[in-house]
Amino acid sequence: MKQVSMLLAIVVMSLSAVAQEKIDSVMNRGIDSAMTQGNQKDGVMMKDGKMMQMKAGKTMMMEKDMTFPNGAMVMKDGTMKMKDGTTHMLKEGQGVLMDGTMKNMPMKKMKKDTM
């Protein structure tokens, strides 16, 4: 009876260790996919009446219309067209992140790169 109890305890501990490894693997995969989707500061924004694009820490003029994964489109003039057809005009300091969500962007952190 003692041997059966000991064997059962070993099996339970082994299974819990395997389950923990799988959870860690899934969590790390989530972090990796979030990192490949772009930096949280990447996107476009209205600054001084012009649309600017931020990518990899660099800011430049937006050269062409952009379509985002959620179906939203942002045009060079600052018009944002949602997937459902509604439109918004971006105001000074408003921006759109790479996932297509609109957000007020911090103005003082932007540095214009010369290209």
PDB file of N, CA and C in Angstrom:
ATOM      1  N   MET A   1       0.822  -1.195   0.000  1.00  0.00           N
ATOM      2  CA  MET A   1       0.000   0.000   0.000  1.00  0.00           C
ATOM      3  C   MET A   1       0.867   1.261   0.000  1.00  0.00           C
ATOM      4  N   LYS A   2       1.964   1.241   0.780  1.00  0.00           N
ATOM      5  CA  LYS A   2       2.863   2.394   0.821  1.00  0.00           C
ATOM      6  C   LYS A   2       3.489   2.647  -0.550  1.00  0.00           C
ATOM      7  N   GLN A   3       3.823   1.568  -1.255  1.00  0.00           N
ATOM      8  CA  GLN A   3       4.444   1.721  -2.573  1.00  0.00           C
ATOM      9  C   GLN A   3       3.461   2.338  -3.572  1.00  0.00           C
ATOM     10  N   VAL A   4       2.198   1.946  -3.491  1.00  0.00           N
ATOM     11  CA  VAL A   4       1.180   2.492  -4.389  1.00  0.00           C
ATOM     12  C   VAL A   4       0.991   3.983  -4.102  1.00  0.00           C
ATOM     13  N   SER A   5       0.940   4.353  -2.812  1.00  0.00           N
ATOM     14  CA  SER A   5       0.785   5.758  -2.449  1.00  0.00           C
ATOM     15  C   SER A   5       1.985   6.578  -2.906  1.00  0.00           C
ATOM     16  N   MET A   6       3.175   6.035  -2.739  1.00  0.00           N
ATOM     17  CA  MET A   6       4.391   6.738  -3.146  1.00  0.00           C
ATOM     18  C   MET A   6       4.409   6.908  -4.665  1.00  0.00           C
ATOM     19  N   LEU A   7       4.046   5.860  -5.403  1.00  0.00           N
ATOM     20  CA  LEU A   7       4.009   5.930  -6.857  1.00  0.00           C
ATOM     21  C   LEU A   7       2.980   6.959  -7.336  1.00  0.00           C
ATOM     22  N   LEU A   8       1.831   6.981  -6.693  1.00  0.00           N
ATOM     23  CA  LEU A   8       0.791   7.949  -7.032  1.00  0.00           C
ATOM     24  C   LEU A   8       1.271   9.382  -6.789  1.00  0.00           C
ATOM     25  N   ALA A   9       1.971   9.605  -5.689  1.00  0.00           N
ATOM     26  CA  ALA A   9       2.508  10.937  -5.372  1.00  0.00           C
ATOM     27  C   ALA A   9       3.526  11.371  -6.422  1.00  0.00           C
ATOM     28  N   ILE A  10       4.377  10.462  -6.843  1.00  0.00           N
ATOM     29  CA  ILE A  10       5.388  10.786  -7.859  1.00  0.00           C
ATOM     30  C   ILE A  10       4.717  11.138  -9.185  1.00  0.00           C
ATOM     31  N   VAL A  11       3.701  10.389  -9.578  1.00  0.00           N
ATOM     32  CA  VAL A  11       2.990  10.657 -10.828  1.00  0.00           C
ATOM     33  C   VAL A  11       2.318  12.030 -10.778  1.00  0.00           C
ATOM     34  N   VAL A  12       1.671  12.360  -9.668  1.00  0.00           N
ATOM     35  CA  VAL A  12       0.999  13.651  -9.529  1.00  0.00           C
ATOM     36  C   VAL A  12       2.009  14.793  -9.625  1.00  0.00           C
ATOM     37  N   MET A  13       3.156  14.651  -8.957  1.00  0.00           N
ATOM     38  CA  MET A  13       4.183  15.705  -9.005  1.00  0.00           C
ATOM     39  C   MET A  13       4.729  15.872 -10.424  1.00  0.00           C
ATOM     40  N   SER A  14       4.932  14.760 -11.117  1.00  0.00           N
ATOM     41  CA  SER A  14       5.444  14.820 -12.490  1.00  0.00           C
ATOM     42  C   SER A  14       4.461  15.536 -13.409  1.00  0.00           C
ATOM     43  N   LEU A  15       3.194  15.198 -13.271  1.00  0.00           N
ATOM     44  CA  LEU A  15       2.182  15.841 -14.113  1.00  0.00           C
ATOM     45  C   LEU A  15       2.073  17.331 -13.825  1.00  0.00           C
ATOM     46  N   SER A  16       2.196  17.726 -12.581  1.00  0.00           N
ATOM     47  CA  SER A  16       2.108  19.159 -12.269  1.00  0.00           C
ATOM     48  C   SER A  16       3.307  19.916 -12.828  1.00  0.00           C
ATOM     49  N   ALA A  17       4.480  19.275 -12.849  1.00  0.00           N
ATOM     50  CA  ALA A  17       5.665  19.920 -13.420  1.00  0.00           C
ATOM     51  C   ALA A  17       5.492  20.103 -14.926  1.00  0.00           C
ATOM     52  N   VAL A  18       4.954  19.102 -15.610  1.00  0.00           N
ATOM     53  CA  VAL A  18       4.720  19.197 -17.057  1.00  0.00           C
ATOM     54  C   VAL A  18       3.692  20.285 -17.350  1.00  0.00           C
ATOM     55  N   ALA A  19       2.638  20.348 -16.548  1.00  0.00           N
ATOM     56  CA  ALA A  19       1.608  21.372 -16.746  1.00  0.00           C
ATOM     57  C   ALA A  19       2.194  22.763 -16.576  1.00  0.00           C
ATOM     58  N   GLN A  20       3.079  22.946 -15.593  1.00  0.00           N
ATOM     59  CA  GLN A  20       3.696  24.252 -15.367  1.00  0.00           C
ATOM     60  C   GLN A  20       4.555  24.653 -16.559  1.00  0.00           C
ATOM     61  N   GLU A  21       5.304  23.687 -17.129  1.00  0.00           N
ATOM     62  CA  GLU A  21       6.130  23.986 -18.297  1.00  0.00           C
ATOM     63  C   GLU A  21       5.266  24.429 -19.474  1.00  0.00           C
ATOM     64  N   LYS A  22       4.119  23.786 -19.670  1.00  0.00           N
ATOM     65  CA  LYS A  22       3.229  24.165 -20.767  1.00  0.00           C
ATOM     66  C   LYS A  22       2.666  25.560 -20.558  1.00  0.00           C
ATOM     67  N   ILE A  23       2.311  25.909 -19.330  1.00  0.00           N
ATOM     68  CA  ILE A  23       1.797  27.249 -19.035  1.00  0.00           C
ATOM     69  C   ILE A  23       2.869  28.286 -19.321  1.00  0.00           C
ATOM     70  N   ASP A  24       4.116  28.021 -18.887  1.00  0.00           N
ATOM     71  CA  ASP A  24       5.210  28.955 -19.141  1.00  0.00           C
ATOM     72  C   ASP A  24       5.434  29.132 -20.641  1.00  0.00           C
ATOM     73  N   SER A  25       5.345  28.028 -21.398  1.00  0.00           N
ATOM     74  CA  SER A  25       5.535  28.091 -22.838  1.00  0.00           C
ATOM     75  C   SER A  25       4.461  28.955 -23.492  1.00  0.00           C
ATOM     76  N   VAL A  26       3.214  28.780 -23.097  1.00  0.00           N
ATOM     77  CA  VAL A  26       2.112  29.568 -23.653  1.00  0.00           C
ATOM     78  C   VAL A  26       2.285  31.040 -23.300  1.00  0.00           C
ATOM     79  N   MET A  27       2.678  31.343 -22.078  1.00  0.00           N
ATOM     80  CA  MET A  27       2.863  32.744 -21.665  1.00  0.00           C
ATOM     81  C   MET A  27       3.987  33.382 -22.460  1.00  0.00           C
ATOM     82  N   ASN A  28       5.098  32.668 -22.662  1.00  0.00           N
ATOM     83  CA  ASN A  28       6.212  33.224 -23.422  1.00  0.00           C
ATOM     84  C   ASN A  28       5.827  33.441 -24.878  1.00  0.00           C
ATOM     85  N   ARG A  29       5.034  32.544 -25.449  1.00  0.00           N
ATOM     86  CA  ARG A  29       4.579  32.703 -26.821  1.00  0.00           C
ATOM     87  C   ARG A  29       3.739  33.964 -26.953  1.00  0.00           C
ATOM     88  N   GLY A  30       2.904  34.244 -25.953  1.00  0.00           N
ATOM     89  CA  GLY A  30       2.091  35.457 -25.965  1.00  0.00           C
ATOM     90  C   GLY A  30       2.947  36.703 -25.939  1.00  0.00           C
ATOM     91  N   ILE A  31       4.004  36.681 -25.151  1.00  0.00           N
ATOM     92  CA  ILE A  31       4.914  37.826 -25.074  1.00  0.00           C
ATOM     93  C   ILE A  31       5.625  38.012 -26.402  1.00  0.00           C
ATOM     94  N   ASP A  32       6.099  36.902 -27.010  1.00  0.00           N
ATOM     95  CA  ASP A  32       6.794  36.994 -28.288  1.00  0.00           C
ATOM     96  C   ASP A  32       5.896  37.556 -29.377  1.00  0.00           C
ATOM     97  N   SER A  33       4.632  37.104 -29.437  1.00  0.00           N
ATOM     98  CA  SER A  33       3.739  37.595 -30.485  1.00  0.00           C
ATOM     99  C   SER A  33       3.409  39.064 -30.262  1.00  0.00           C
ATOM    100  N   ALA A  34       3.303  39.491 -29.011  1.00  0.00           N
ATOM    101  CA  ALA A  34       3.044  40.906 -28.731  1.00  0.00           C
ATOM    102  C   ALA A  34       4.226  41.759 -29.179  1.00  0.00           C
ATOM    103  N   MET A  35       5.432  41.243 -29.025  1.00  0.00           N
ATOM    104  CA  MET A  35       6.614  42.004 -29.412  1.00  0.00           C
ATOM    105  C   MET A  35       6.728  42.101 -30.927  1.00  0.00           C
ATOM    106  N   THR A  36       6.286  41.067 -31.658  1.00  0.00           N
ATOM    107  CA  THR A  36       6.393  41.112 -33.111  1.00  0.00           C
ATOM    108  C   THR A  36       5.314  41.966 -33.740  1.00  0.00           C
ATOM    109  N   GLN A  37       4.283  42.339 -32.991  1.00  0.00           N
ATOM    110  CA  GLN A  37       3.210  43.147 -33.544  1.00  0.00           C
ATOM    111  C   GLN A  37       3.551  44.628 -33.559  1.00  0.00           C
ATOM    112  N   GLY A  38       4.706  44.986 -33.106  1.00  0.00           N
ATOM    113  CA  GLY A  38       5.113  46.378 -33.155  1.00  0.00           C
ATOM    114  C   GLY A  38       5.161  47.014 -31.793  1.00  0.00           C
ATOM    115  N   ASN A  39       5.945  48.055 -31.745  1.00  0.00           N
ATOM    116  CA  ASN A  39       6.114  48.811 -30.518  1.00  0.00           C
ATOM    117  C   ASN A  39       4.826  49.572 -30.208  1.00  0.00           C
ATOM    118  N   GLN A  40       4.502  49.729 -28.926  1.00  0.00           N
ATOM    119  CA  GLN A  40       3.301  50.465 -28.528  1.00  0.00           C
ATOM    120  C   GLN A  40       3.336  51.915 -29.010  1.00  0.00           C
ATOM    121  N   LYS A  41       4.503  52.463 -29.277  1.00  0.00           N
ATOM    122  CA  LYS A  41       4.592  53.849 -29.724  1.00  0.00           C
ATOM    123  C   LYS A  41       4.539  53.971 -31.239  1.00  0.00           C
ATOM    124  N   ASP A  42       4.578  52.870 -31.956  1.00  0.00           N
ATOM    125  CA  ASP A  42       4.486  52.911 -33.414  1.00  0.00           C
ATOM    126  C   ASP A  42       3.056  53.237 -33.829  1.00  0.00           C
ATOM    127  N   GLY A  43       2.925  53.999 -34.885  1.00  0.00           N
ATOM    128  CA  GLY A  43       1.611  54.365 -35.390  1.00  0.00           C
ATOM    129  C   GLY A  43       1.685  55.681 -36.136  1.00  0.00           C
ATOM    130  N   VAL A  44       0.553  56.364 -36.218  1.00  0.00           N
ATOM    131  CA  VAL A  44       0.488  57.662 -36.884  1.00  0.00           C
ATOM    132  C   VAL A  44      -0.193  58.662 -35.957  1.00  0.00           C
ATOM    133  N   MET A  45       0.110  59.941 -36.154  1.00  0.00           N
ATOM    134  CA  MET A  45      -0.548  60.966 -35.347  1.00  0.00           C
ATOM    135  C   MET A  45      -0.564  62.304 -36.066  1.00  0.00           C
ATOM    136  N   MET A  46      -1.494  63.167 -35.636  1.00  0.00           N
ATOM    137  CA  MET A  46      -1.606  64.513 -36.178  1.00  0.00           C
ATOM    138  C   MET A  46      -0.721  65.434 -35.351  1.00  0.00           C
ATOM    139  N   LYS A  47       0.231  66.090 -36.020  1.00  0.00           N
ATOM    140  CA  LYS A  47       1.115  67.043 -35.341  1.00  0.00           C
ATOM    141  C   LYS A  47       1.294  68.257 -36.234  1.00  0.00           C
ATOM    142  N   ASP A  48       0.994  69.413 -35.687  1.00  0.00           N
ATOM    143  CA  ASP A  48       1.100  70.678 -36.421  1.00  0.00           C
ATOM    144  C   ASP A  48       0.297  70.642 -37.728  1.00  0.00           C
ATOM    145  N   GLY A  49      -0.861  69.978 -37.689  1.00  0.00           N
ATOM    146  CA  GLY A  49      -1.735  69.918 -38.848  1.00  0.00           C
ATOM    147  C   GLY A  49      -1.293  68.952 -39.925  1.00  0.00           C
ATOM    148  N   LYS A  50      -0.242  68.162 -39.655  1.00  0.00           N
ATOM    149  CA  LYS A  50       0.264  67.203 -40.630  1.00  0.00           C
ATOM    150  C   LYS A  50       0.267  65.813 -40.005  1.00  0.00           C
ATOM    151  N   MET A  51       0.054  64.802 -40.827  1.00  0.00           N
ATOM    152  CA  MET A  51       0.090  63.431 -40.336  1.00  0.00           C
ATOM    153  C   MET A  51       1.532  62.945 -40.312  1.00  0.00           C
ATOM    154  N   MET A  52       1.917  62.451 -39.138  1.00  0.00           N
ATOM    155  CA  MET A  52       3.265  61.941 -38.931  1.00  0.00           C
ATOM    156  C   MET A  52       3.187  60.451 -38.633  1.00  0.00           C
ATOM    157  N   GLN A  53       4.215  59.711 -39.058  1.00  0.00           N
ATOM    158  CA  GLN A  53       4.280  58.276 -38.802  1.00  0.00           C
ATOM    159  C   GLN A  53       5.454  58.002 -37.880  1.00  0.00           C
ATOM    160  N   MET A  54       5.198  57.221 -36.816  1.00  0.00           N
ATOM    161  CA  MET A  54       6.254  56.824 -35.893  1.00  0.00           C
ATOM    162  C   MET A  54       6.526  55.339 -36.111  1.00  0.00           C
ATOM    163  N   LYS A  55       7.791  55.017 -36.329  1.00  0.00           N
ATOM    164  CA  LYS A  55       8.165  53.619 -36.552  1.00  0.00           C
ATOM    165  C   LYS A  55       9.572  53.404 -36.023  1.00  0.00           C
ATOM    166  N   ALA A  56       9.703  52.432 -35.130  1.00  0.00           N
ATOM    167  CA  ALA A  56      11.004  52.070 -34.543  1.00  0.00           C
ATOM    168  C   ALA A  56      11.709  53.285 -33.938  1.00  0.00           C
ATOM    169  N   GLY A  57      10.940  54.143 -33.277  1.00  0.00           N
ATOM    170  CA  GLY A  57      11.522  55.299 -32.606  1.00  0.00           C
ATOM    171  C   GLY A  57      11.792  56.496 -33.509  1.00  0.00           C
ATOM    172  N   LYS A  58      11.482  56.390 -34.786  1.00  0.00           N
ATOM    173  CA  LYS A  58      11.710  57.494 -35.727  1.00  0.00           C
ATOM    174  C   LYS A  58      10.376  58.084 -36.151  1.00  0.00           C
ATOM    175  N   THR A  59      10.350  59.382 -36.339  1.00  0.00           N
ATOM    176  CA  THR A  59       9.143  60.086 -36.768  1.00  0.00           C
ATOM    177  C   THR A  59       9.389  60.697 -38.138  1.00  0.00           C
ATOM    178  N   MET A  60       8.444  60.473 -39.046  1.00  0.00           N
ATOM    179  CA  MET A  60       8.560  61.017 -40.402  1.00  0.00           C
ATOM    180  C   MET A  60       7.181  61.375 -40.919  1.00  0.00           C
ATOM    181  N   MET A  61       7.125  62.119 -41.991  1.00  0.00           N
ATOM    182  CA  MET A  61       5.852  62.464 -42.615  1.00  0.00           C
ATOM    183  C   MET A  61       5.183  61.188 -43.103  1.00  0.00           C
ATOM    184  N   MET A  62       3.873  61.131 -42.950  1.00  0.00           N
ATOM    185  CA  MET A  62       3.106  59.988 -43.447  1.00  0.00           C
ATOM    186  C   MET A  62       3.028  60.118 -44.963  1.00  0.00           C
ATOM    187  N   GLU A  63       3.537  59.116 -45.675  1.00  0.00           N
ATOM    188  CA  GLU A  63       3.641  59.210 -47.129  1.00  0.00           C
ATOM    189  C   GLU A  63       2.449  58.615 -47.881  1.00  0.00           C
ATOM    190  N   LYS A  64       1.734  57.670 -47.244  1.00  0.00           N
ATOM    191  CA  LYS A  64       0.598  57.052 -47.932  1.00  0.00           C
ATOM    192  C   LYS A  64      -0.456  56.645 -46.910  1.00  0.00           C
ATOM    193  N   ASP A  65      -1.676  56.428 -47.404  1.00  0.00           N
ATOM    194  CA  ASP A  65      -2.761  55.975 -46.540  1.00  0.00           C
ATOM    195  C   ASP A  65      -2.396  54.624 -45.937  1.00  0.00           C
ATOM    196  N   MET A  66      -2.891  54.372 -44.713  1.00  0.00           N
ATOM    197  CA  MET A  66      -2.574  53.120 -44.028  1.00  0.00           C
ATOM    198  C   MET A  66      -3.854  52.390 -43.636  1.00  0.00           C
ATOM    199  N   THR A  67      -3.829  51.074 -43.747  1.00  0.00           N
ATOM    200  CA  THR A  67      -4.918  50.224 -43.280  1.00  0.00           C
ATOM    201  C   THR A  67      -4.389  49.397 -42.119  1.00  0.00           C
ATOM    202  N   PHE A  68      -5.168  49.325 -41.043  1.00  0.00           N
ATOM    203  CA  PHE A  68      -4.754  48.641 -39.826  1.00  0.00           C
ATOM    204  C   PHE A  68      -5.453  47.294 -39.699  1.00  0.00           C
ATOM    205  N   PRO A  69      -4.924  46.391 -38.851  1.00  0.00           N
ATOM    206  CA  PRO A  69      -5.494  45.044 -38.718  1.00  0.00           C
ATOM    207  C   PRO A  69      -6.980  45.009 -38.341  1.00  0.00           C
ATOM    208  N   ASN A  70      -7.465  46.024 -37.651  1.00  0.00           N
ATOM    209  CA  ASN A  70      -8.878  46.025 -37.251  1.00  0.00           C
ATOM    210  C   ASN A  70      -9.791  46.557 -38.351  1.00  0.00           C
ATOM    211  N   GLY A  71      -9.225  46.854 -39.532  1.00  0.00           N
ATOM    212  CA  GLY A  71     -10.014  47.323 -40.663  1.00  0.00           C
ATOM    213  C   GLY A  71     -10.077  48.834 -40.790  1.00  0.00           C
ATOM    214  N   ALA A  72      -9.565  49.567 -39.803  1.00  0.00           N
ATOM    215  CA  ALA A  72      -9.565  51.033 -39.860  1.00  0.00           C
ATOM    216  C   ALA A  72      -8.541  51.507 -40.889  1.00  0.00           C
ATOM    217  N   MET A  73      -8.857  52.632 -41.528  1.00  0.00           N
ATOM    218  CA  MET A  73      -7.938  53.260 -42.477  1.00  0.00           C
ATOM    219  C   MET A  73      -7.678  54.687 -42.036  1.00  0.00           C
ATOM    220  N   VAL A  74      -6.432  55.126 -42.165  1.00  0.00           N
ATOM    221  CA  VAL A  74      -6.090  56.517 -41.888  1.00  0.00           C
ATOM    222  C   VAL A  74      -5.486  57.084 -43.160  1.00  0.00           C
ATOM    223  N   MET A  75      -6.069  58.206 -43.607  1.00  0.00           N
ATOM    224  CA  MET A  75      -5.594  58.858 -44.816  1.00  0.00           C
ATOM    225  C   MET A  75      -4.558  59.927 -44.471  1.00  0.00           C
ATOM    226  N   LYS A  76      -3.789  60.340 -45.479  1.00  0.00           N
ATOM    227  CA  LYS A  76      -2.730  61.324 -45.270  1.00  0.00           C
ATOM    228  C   LYS A  76      -3.257  62.661 -44.768  1.00  0.00           C
ATOM    229  N   ASP A  77      -4.540  62.950 -45.014  1.00  0.00           N
ATOM    230  CA  ASP A  77      -5.100  64.230 -44.553  1.00  0.00           C
ATOM    231  C   ASP A  77      -5.606  64.160 -43.109  1.00  0.00           C
ATOM    232  N   GLY A  78      -5.491  62.973 -42.457  1.00  0.00           N
ATOM    233  CA  GLY A  78      -5.918  62.828 -41.069  1.00  0.00           C
ATOM    234  C   GLY A  78      -7.304  62.258 -40.884  1.00  0.00           C
ATOM    235  N   THR A  79      -7.959  61.895 -41.969  1.00  0.00           N
ATOM    236  CA  THR A  79      -9.275  61.282 -41.875  1.00  0.00           C
ATOM    237  C   THR A  79      -9.105  59.817 -41.513  1.00  0.00           C
ATOM    238  N   MET A  80      -9.877  59.375 -40.524  1.00  0.00           N
ATOM    239  CA  MET A  80      -9.853  57.969 -40.118  1.00  0.00           C
ATOM    240  C   MET A  80     -11.204  57.365 -40.459  1.00  0.00           C
ATOM    241  N   LYS A  81     -11.176  56.300 -41.237  1.00  0.00           N
ATOM    242  CA  LYS A  81     -12.405  55.605 -41.623  1.00  0.00           C
ATOM    243  C   LYS A  81     -12.406  54.246 -40.935  1.00  0.00           C
ATOM    244  N   MET A  82     -13.441  54.028 -40.118  1.00  0.00           N
ATOM    245  CA  MET A  82     -13.552  52.781 -39.376  1.00  0.00           C
ATOM    246  C   MET A  82     -14.119  51.690 -40.285  1.00  0.00           C
ATOM    247  N   LYS A  83     -14.000  50.446 -39.839  1.00  0.00           N
ATOM    248  CA  LYS A  83     -14.485  49.305 -40.609  1.00  0.00           C
ATOM    249  C   LYS A  83     -15.983  49.401 -40.877  1.00  0.00           C
ATOM    250  N   ASP A  84     -16.731  50.002 -39.933  1.00  0.00           N
ATOM    251  CA  ASP A  84     -18.188  50.121 -40.105  1.00  0.00           C
ATOM    252  C   ASP A  84     -18.588  51.291 -41.001  1.00  0.00           C
ATOM    253  N   GLY A  85     -17.598  52.043 -41.515  1.00  0.00           N
ATOM    254  CA  GLY A  85     -17.883  53.141 -42.440  1.00  0.00           C
ATOM    255  C   GLY A  85     -17.892  54.522 -41.808  1.00  0.00           C
ATOM    256  N   THR A  86     -17.909  54.610 -40.483  1.00  0.00           N
ATOM    257  CA  THR A  86     -17.901  55.925 -39.842  1.00  0.00           C
ATOM    258  C   THR A  86     -16.526  56.571 -40.019  1.00  0.00           C
ATOM    259  N   THR A  87     -16.517  57.895 -40.098  1.00  0.00           N
ATOM    260  CA  THR A  87     -15.256  58.619 -40.277  1.00  0.00           C
ATOM    261  C   THR A  87     -15.044  59.610 -39.149  1.00  0.00           C
ATOM    262  N   HIS A  88     -13.784  59.860 -38.848  1.00  0.00           N
ATOM    263  CA  HIS A  88     -13.369  60.833 -37.846  1.00  0.00           C
ATOM    264  C   HIS A  88     -12.206  61.618 -38.425  1.00  0.00           C
ATOM    265  N   MET A  89     -12.126  62.873 -38.078  1.00  0.00           N
ATOM    266  CA  MET A  89     -10.962  63.667 -38.449  1.00  0.00           C
ATOM    267  C   MET A  89     -10.072  63.744 -37.217  1.00  0.00           C
ATOM    268  N   LEU A  90      -8.830  63.282 -37.334  1.00  0.00           N
ATOM    269  CA  LEU A  90      -7.926  63.332 -36.192  1.00  0.00           C
ATOM    270  C   LEU A  90      -7.608  64.779 -35.848  1.00  0.00           C
ATOM    271  N   LYS A  91      -7.621  65.072 -34.564  1.00  0.00           N
ATOM    272  CA  LYS A  91      -7.285  66.408 -34.076  1.00  0.00           C
ATOM    273  C   LYS A  91      -5.838  66.415 -33.628  1.00  0.00           C
ATOM    274  N   GLU A  92      -5.312  67.594 -33.396  1.00  0.00           N
ATOM    275  CA  GLU A  92      -3.937  67.763 -32.937  1.00  0.00           C
ATOM    276  C   GLU A  92      -3.659  66.871 -31.721  1.00  0.00           C
ATOM    277  N   GLY A  93      -2.620  66.047 -31.820  1.00  0.00           N
ATOM    278  CA  GLY A  93      -2.234  65.178 -30.713  1.00  0.00           C
ATOM    279  C   GLY A  93      -2.908  63.822 -30.702  1.00  0.00           C
ATOM    280  N   GLN A  94      -3.915  63.622 -31.551  1.00  0.00           N
ATOM    281  CA  GLN A  94      -4.552  62.310 -31.616  1.00  0.00           C
ATOM    282  C   GLN A  94      -3.778  61.421 -32.580  1.00  0.00           C
ATOM    283  N   GLY A  95      -3.747  60.138 -32.258  1.00  0.00           N
ATOM    284  CA  GLY A  95      -3.024  59.208 -33.106  1.00  0.00           C
ATOM    285  C   GLY A  95      -3.704  57.864 -33.154  1.00  0.00           C
ATOM    286  N   VAL A  96      -3.157  56.999 -33.975  1.00  0.00           N
ATOM    287  CA  VAL A  96      -3.668  55.646 -34.133  1.00  0.00           C
ATOM    288  C   VAL A  96      -2.487  54.696 -33.976  1.00  0.00           C
ATOM    289  N   LEU A  97      -2.634  53.743 -33.045  1.00  0.00           N
ATOM    290  CA  LEU A  97      -1.595  52.746 -32.829  1.00  0.00           C
ATOM    291  C   LEU A  97      -1.652  51.701 -33.934  1.00  0.00           C
ATOM    292  N   MET A  98      -0.641  50.848 -34.012  1.00  0.00           N
ATOM    293  CA  MET A  98      -0.552  49.868 -35.095  1.00  0.00           C
ATOM    294  C   MET A  98      -1.671  48.830 -35.071  1.00  0.00           C
ATOM    295  N   ASP A  99      -2.375  48.693 -33.953  1.00  0.00           N
ATOM    296  CA  ASP A  99      -3.514  47.762 -33.930  1.00  0.00           C
ATOM    297  C   ASP A  99      -4.803  48.438 -34.377  1.00  0.00           C
ATOM    298  N   GLY A 100      -4.741  49.747 -34.660  1.00  0.00           N
ATOM    299  CA  GLY A 100      -5.903  50.473 -35.160  1.00  0.00           C
ATOM    300  C   GLY A 100      -6.692  51.212 -34.098  1.00  0.00           C
ATOM    301  N   THR A 101      -6.217  51.214 -32.855  1.00  0.00           N
ATOM    302  CA  THR A 101      -6.933  51.930 -31.797  1.00  0.00           C
ATOM    303  C   THR A 101      -6.493  53.388 -31.764  1.00  0.00           C
ATOM    304  N   MET A 102      -7.463  54.281 -31.580  1.00  0.00           N
ATOM    305  CA  MET A 102      -7.189  55.710 -31.531  1.00  0.00           C
ATOM    306  C   MET A 102      -6.802  56.093 -30.113  1.00  0.00           C
ATOM    307  N   LYS A 103      -5.842  57.022 -29.981  1.00  0.00           N
ATOM    308  CA  LYS A 103      -5.319  57.392 -28.674  1.00  0.00           C
ATOM    309  C   LYS A 103      -4.769  58.810 -28.729  1.00  0.00           C
ATOM    310  N   ASN A 104      -4.857  59.528 -27.606  1.00  0.00           N
ATOM    311  CA  ASN A 104      -4.170  60.817 -27.499  1.00  0.00           C
ATOM    312  C   ASN A 104      -2.698  60.524 -27.258  1.00  0.00           C
ATOM    313  N   MET A 105      -1.850  61.082 -28.096  1.00  0.00           N
ATOM    314  CA  MET A 105      -0.423  60.779 -28.045  1.00  0.00           C
ATOM    315  C   MET A 105       0.319  61.881 -27.298  1.00  0.00           C
ATOM    316  N   PRO A 106       1.401  61.524 -26.587  1.00  0.00           N
ATOM    317  CA  PRO A 106       2.208  62.539 -25.900  1.00  0.00           C
ATOM    318  C   PRO A 106       2.986  63.366 -26.919  1.00  0.00           C
ATOM    319  N   MET A 107       2.831  64.667 -26.857  1.00  0.00           N
ATOM    320  CA  MET A 107       3.451  65.546 -27.854  1.00  0.00           C
ATOM    321  C   MET A 107       4.927  65.813 -27.579  1.00  0.00           C
ATOM    322  N   LYS A 108       5.312  65.902 -26.317  1.00  0.00           N
ATOM    323  CA  LYS A 108       6.680  66.310 -26.008  1.00  0.00           C
ATOM    324  C   LYS A 108       7.721  65.239 -26.311  1.00  0.00           C
ATOM    325  N   LYS A 109       7.311  63.982 -26.468  1.00  0.00           N
ATOM    326  CA  LYS A 109       8.251  62.896 -26.675  1.00  0.00           C
ATOM    327  C   LYS A 109       8.638  62.718 -28.135  1.00  0.00           C
ATOM    328  N   MET A 110       7.958  63.398 -29.034  1.00  0.00           N
ATOM    329  CA  MET A 110       8.229  63.213 -30.462  1.00  0.00           C
ATOM    330  C   MET A 110       9.471  63.968 -30.902  1.00  0.00           C
ATOM    331  N   LYS A 111      10.323  63.272 -31.630  1.00  0.00           N
ATOM    332  CA  LYS A 111      11.485  63.904 -32.233  1.00  0.00           C
ATOM    333  C   LYS A 111      11.400  63.676 -33.728  1.00  0.00           C
ATOM    334  N   LYS A 112      11.530  64.723 -34.498  1.00  0.00           N
ATOM    335  CA  LYS A 112      11.455  64.570 -35.948  1.00  0.00           C
ATOM    336  C   LYS A 112      12.835  64.182 -36.479  1.00  0.00           C
ATOM    337  N   ASP A 113      12.857  63.102 -37.250  1.00  0.00           N
ATOM    338  CA  ASP A 113      14.089  62.651 -37.866  1.00  0.00           C
ATOM    339  C   ASP A 113      14.243  63.325 -39.213  1.00  0.00           C
ATOM    340  N   THR A 114      15.441  63.644 -39.557  1.00  0.00           N
ATOM    341  CA  THR A 114      15.689  64.248 -40.859  1.00  0.00           C
ATOM    342  C   THR A 114      16.063  63.144 -41.820  1.00  0.00           C
ATOM    343  N   MET A 115      15.305  63.055 -42.864  1.00  0.00           N
ATOM    344  CA  MET A 115      15.558  62.017 -43.880  1.00  0.00           C
ATOM    345  C   MET A 115      15.547  62.643 -45.233  1.00  0.00           C
TER     346      MET A 115
END
